[in-house]
Each structure stands twice: as C-alpha cells, then as structure tokens.
Amino acid sequence: MTTDHPTTDHPTTDHPTADHPTADQPPAEDSAAGDASAGGPGRLRSRWARVLATAEAGMSTAEYAVGTVAACAFAAVLYRVVTGGSVVTALGDLVDSALGVLS
C-alpha cells in the first residue's frame, strides 16, 4: 500500500524497499542513481539523507518538557492527596497503633 502525502516529495509504504527506506534503513547506494545536482534519483537520496539526519532535531527537548510537566502534575496531585484530612488521619492512626504495639 503506497500513499502520497501532499507535504512530502516521497511516498510512504508499509514495507520498506530500496526506493523507500525507513529511518532504520538508509537509502541504498546505486552507481546508476544519477548525480544529486542533475535532479535525478540521486537528488532524492541526498534529500532523504538530509531529512533522516535532521528529523529528530529538538525532539528530545520536547519530550523532556512534556515529561517534566507530567511529573510536576503528578507531584501536585500526590501532595494534595497526602496533605488531605483523611490521609493525615489514617497515617496518624497507623503511627499510634505502631507505638501501641511497642509499649
């Protein structure tokens, strides 16, 4: 199954081939591919190599930002739960019963 996306010059496939490699599979080198400056298939391979080389630029920063926001939200929820009246009472009862066993 091959679909063309309007924002890209290359079709995507469900199964990588020599003409349509995935990020894990670099484009195949072919001596008859043509010169990159001639606008032939070599140009497409050159452009594909540039896309693969720069596709992840800034992605790790965005992932860290989302992870940090999620961790802060989780910490805020946990703080509200722990400082709520029922949890404080339950922890106090647990400490009282533990001290009662020791005495």
C-alpha atoms as a PDB file:
ATOM      1  CA  MET A   1       0.000   0.000   0.000  1.00  0.00           C
ATOM      2  CA  THR A   2       1.516   3.296  -1.083  1.00  0.00           C
ATOM      3  CA  THR A   3       0.072   6.680  -0.180  1.00  0.00           C
ATOM      4  CA  ASP A   4       1.255  10.095  -1.269  1.00  0.00           C
ATOM      5  CA  HIS A   5       1.232  12.924   1.232  1.00  0.00           C
ATOM      6  CA  PRO A   6       0.857  16.444  -0.147  1.00  0.00           C
ATOM      7  CA  THR A   7       3.598  17.850   2.113  1.00  0.00           C
ATOM      8  CA  THR A   8       6.298  15.358   1.103  1.00  0.00           C
ATOM      9  CA  ASP A   9       8.022  14.500  -2.143  1.00  0.00           C
ATOM     10  CA  HIS A  10       8.347  10.810  -1.352  1.00  0.00           C
ATOM     11  CA  PRO A  11       5.613   8.186  -0.901  1.00  0.00           C
ATOM     12  CA  THR A  12       5.369   6.175   2.284  1.00  0.00           C
ATOM     13  CA  THR A  13       4.974   2.424   2.328  1.00  0.00           C
ATOM     14  CA  ASP A  14       4.080  -0.176   4.890  1.00  0.00           C
ATOM     15  CA  HIS A  15       7.053  -2.262   3.784  1.00  0.00           C
ATOM     16  CA  PRO A  16      10.446  -0.599   3.297  1.00  0.00           C
ATOM     17  CA  THR A  17      12.120  -1.129  -0.051  1.00  0.00           C
ATOM     18  CA  ALA A  18      15.300   0.132  -1.632  1.00  0.00           C
ATOM     19  CA  ASP A  19      13.300   3.014  -3.139  1.00  0.00           C
ATOM     20  CA  HIS A  20      11.542   3.868   0.142  1.00  0.00           C
ATOM     21  CA  PRO A  21      13.782   3.131   3.148  1.00  0.00           C
ATOM     22  CA  THR A  22      12.704   3.630   6.743  1.00  0.00           C
ATOM     23  CA  ALA A  23      14.630   5.617   9.361  1.00  0.00           C
ATOM     24  CA  ASP A  24      16.412   2.394  10.357  1.00  0.00           C
ATOM     25  CA  GLN A  25      17.367   1.631   6.764  1.00  0.00           C
ATOM     26  CA  PRO A  26      19.400   4.266   4.900  1.00  0.00           C
ATOM     27  CA  PRO A  27      18.858   4.679   1.158  1.00  0.00           C
ATOM     28  CA  ALA A  28      20.653   2.134  -0.993  1.00  0.00           C
ATOM     29  CA  GLU A  29      23.693   3.426  -2.821  1.00  0.00           C
ATOM     30  CA  ASP A  30      23.430   2.898  -6.565  1.00  0.00           C
ATOM     31  CA  SER A  31      26.057   3.853  -9.105  1.00  0.00           C
ATOM     32  CA  ALA A  32      23.349   4.406 -11.745  1.00  0.00           C
ATOM     33  CA  ALA A  33      21.274   6.567  -9.401  1.00  0.00           C
ATOM     34  CA  GLY A  34      22.281   9.827 -11.010  1.00  0.00           C
ATOM     35  CA  ASP A  35      24.037  12.928  -9.840  1.00  0.00           C
ATOM     36  CA  ALA A  36      22.492  14.895  -6.970  1.00  0.00           C
ATOM     37  CA  SER A  37      22.994  18.144  -8.895  1.00  0.00           C
ATOM     38  CA  ALA A  38      21.304  16.733 -12.022  1.00  0.00           C
ATOM     39  CA  GLY A  39      17.937  16.448 -10.267  1.00  0.00           C
ATOM     40  CA  GLY A  40      17.707  12.684 -10.741  1.00  0.00           C
ATOM     41  CA  PRO A  41      17.188   9.935  -8.174  1.00  0.00           C
ATOM     42  CA  GLY A  42      20.482  10.929  -6.540  1.00  0.00           C
ATOM     43  CA  ARG A  43      18.902  14.231  -5.575  1.00  0.00           C
ATOM     44  CA  LEU A  44      16.046  12.392  -3.882  1.00  0.00           C
ATOM     45  CA  ARG A  45      18.505  10.187  -1.987  1.00  0.00           C
ATOM     46  CA  SER A  46      20.508  13.238  -0.941  1.00  0.00           C
ATOM     47  CA  ARG A  47      17.380  14.995   0.270  1.00  0.00           C
ATOM     48  CA  TRP A  48      16.168  11.844   2.062  1.00  0.00           C
ATOM     49  CA  ALA A  49      19.543  11.574   3.840  1.00  0.00           C
ATOM     50  CA  ARG A  50      19.223  15.202   5.000  1.00  0.00           C
ATOM     51  CA  VAL A  51      15.681  14.570   6.273  1.00  0.00           C
ATOM     52  CA  LEU A  52      16.810  11.494   8.189  1.00  0.00           C
ATOM     53  CA  ALA A  53      19.753  13.375   9.672  1.00  0.00           C
ATOM     54  CA  THR A  54      17.643  16.290  10.937  1.00  0.00           C
ATOM     55  CA  ALA A  55      14.288  14.636  11.642  1.00  0.00           C
ATOM     56  CA  GLU A  56      14.882  14.352  15.406  1.00  0.00           C
ATOM     57  CA  ALA A  57      16.308  17.835  15.971  1.00  0.00           C
ATOM     58  CA  GLY A  58      14.709  19.252  19.117  1.00  0.00           C
ATOM     59  CA  MET A  59      12.550  16.199  19.735  1.00  0.00           C
ATOM     60  CA  SER A  60      14.360  15.179  22.913  1.00  0.00           C
ATOM     61  CA  THR A  61      13.867  18.657  24.361  1.00  0.00           C
ATOM     62  CA  ALA A  62      10.125  18.475  23.728  1.00  0.00           C
ATOM     63  CA  GLU A  63       9.948  15.008  25.271  1.00  0.00           C
ATOM     64  CA  TYR A  64      11.797  16.208  28.372  1.00  0.00           C
ATOM     65  CA  ALA A  65       9.458  19.199  28.652  1.00  0.00           C
ATOM     66  CA  VAL A  66       6.348  17.008  28.459  1.00  0.00           C
ATOM     67  CA  GLY A  67       7.846  14.562  30.976  1.00  0.00           C
ATOM     68  CA  THR A  68       8.706  17.380  33.368  1.00  0.00           C
ATOM     69  CA  VAL A  69       5.197  18.846  33.181  1.00  0.00           C
ATOM     70  CA  ALA A  70       3.679  15.393  33.756  1.00  0.00           C
ATOM     71  CA  ALA A  71       5.959  14.782  36.755  1.00  0.00           C
ATOM     72  CA  CYS A  72       5.028  18.159  38.258  1.00  0.00           C
ATOM     73  CA  ALA A  73       1.325  17.453  37.774  1.00  0.00           C
ATOM     74  CA  PHE A  74       1.705  14.038  39.415  1.00  0.00           C
ATOM     75  CA  ALA A  75       3.630  15.599  42.323  1.00  0.00           C
ATOM     76  CA  ALA A  76       0.892  18.210  42.811  1.00  0.00           C
ATOM     77  CA  VAL A  77      -1.828  15.541  42.859  1.00  0.00           C
ATOM     78  CA  LEU A  78       0.192  13.383  45.255  1.00  0.00           C
ATOM     79  CA  TYR A  79       0.788  16.380  47.547  1.00  0.00           C
ATOM     80  CA  ARG A  80      -2.939  17.167  47.634  1.00  0.00           C
ATOM     81  CA  VAL A  81      -3.780  13.541  48.453  1.00  0.00           C
ATOM     82  CA  VAL A  82      -1.154  13.199  51.194  1.00  0.00           C
ATOM     83  CA  THR A  83      -1.995  16.515  52.847  1.00  0.00           C
ATOM     84  CA  GLY A  84      -5.739  15.831  52.706  1.00  0.00           C
ATOM     85  CA  GLY A  85      -7.503  15.232  56.028  1.00  0.00           C
ATOM     86  CA  SER A  86      -8.299  11.545  55.546  1.00  0.00           C
ATOM     87  CA  VAL A  87      -4.724  10.560  54.685  1.00  0.00           C
ATOM     88  CA  VAL A  88      -3.248  12.524  57.586  1.00  0.00           C
ATOM     89  CA  THR A  89      -5.752  10.885  59.951  1.00  0.00           C
ATOM     90  CA  ALA A  90      -5.000   7.416  58.557  1.00  0.00           C
ATOM     91  CA  LEU A  91      -1.245   7.955  58.913  1.00  0.00           C
ATOM     92  CA  GLY A  92      -1.716   9.236  62.477  1.00  0.00           C
ATOM     93  CA  ASP A  93      -3.781   6.166  63.374  1.00  0.00           C
ATOM     94  CA  LEU A  94      -1.103   3.921  61.851  1.00  0.00           C
ATOM     95  CA  VAL A  95       1.639   5.591  63.913  1.00  0.00           C
ATOM     96  CA  ASP A  96      -0.497   5.373  67.086  1.00  0.00           C
ATOM     97  CA  SER A  97      -1.138   1.663  66.546  1.00  0.00           C
ATOM     98  CA  ALA A  98       2.558   1.022  65.853  1.00  0.00           C
ATOM     99  CA  LEU A  99       3.543   2.849  69.043  1.00  0.00           C
ATOM    100  CA  GLY A 100       0.837   0.941  70.946  1.00  0.00           C
ATOM    101  CA  VAL A 101       2.376  -2.371  69.867  1.00  0.00           C
ATOM    102  CA  LEU A 102       5.826  -1.257  71.065  1.00  0.00           C
ATOM    103  CA  SER A 103       4.697  -0.156  74.546  1.00  0.00           C
END
